[in-house]
């Protein structure tokens, strides 16, 4: 029997229920969805919505860029008196959040556990967000911001992501130098 790998296209859906924002991740929560998450999250907070629920039931896994954007949004929510909860986390995703210290800012519920009031998080229609990546430079900028957010959470994270940040920043400088007519 021949084995085939199937690419799962990431999808980030959103719904608004009063002052609450409900997001659902399908596929891989990665740098591909991080710019849309960042932009949408900031727009919702600008509109005064400070309660975020992220449903991870259909999420395959998360990368550090996605988790860094979560950290930035969660910190802003906390400053504004808001909150973020993630539901239906796999054991691996819950462990990743805990390892990086995001569980200190985000209320996490593993599969089967639910916040008070039950698991129903979306009485409205979930609509897909635009996940178009835009310019590679903007994706890289989001990646730099995300890893800087994670690095700021602890000395351990700073050591983990030091080389990633150096690489991304060097790449950005090289790209900017070429776009200005440099070598």
Foldseek 3Di string as FASTA:
>chain_A
DDDDDDADDWWWWWDDDPLEIEIEIAEEAELLQLVQCLVVLVVSVVVVRLEYEYEDQRYPYYDLLSVLSVLVSLVVSVVVVGAYEYEQAAPVRVVVCVVLPVVVRYPYYHHPDDDPPDNPDDPDDIDTTDSPPPDPLVSLVSSLNSLVSSCVSDVVSVVVCVVVNVVSVVVNVVVVQVVVVHD
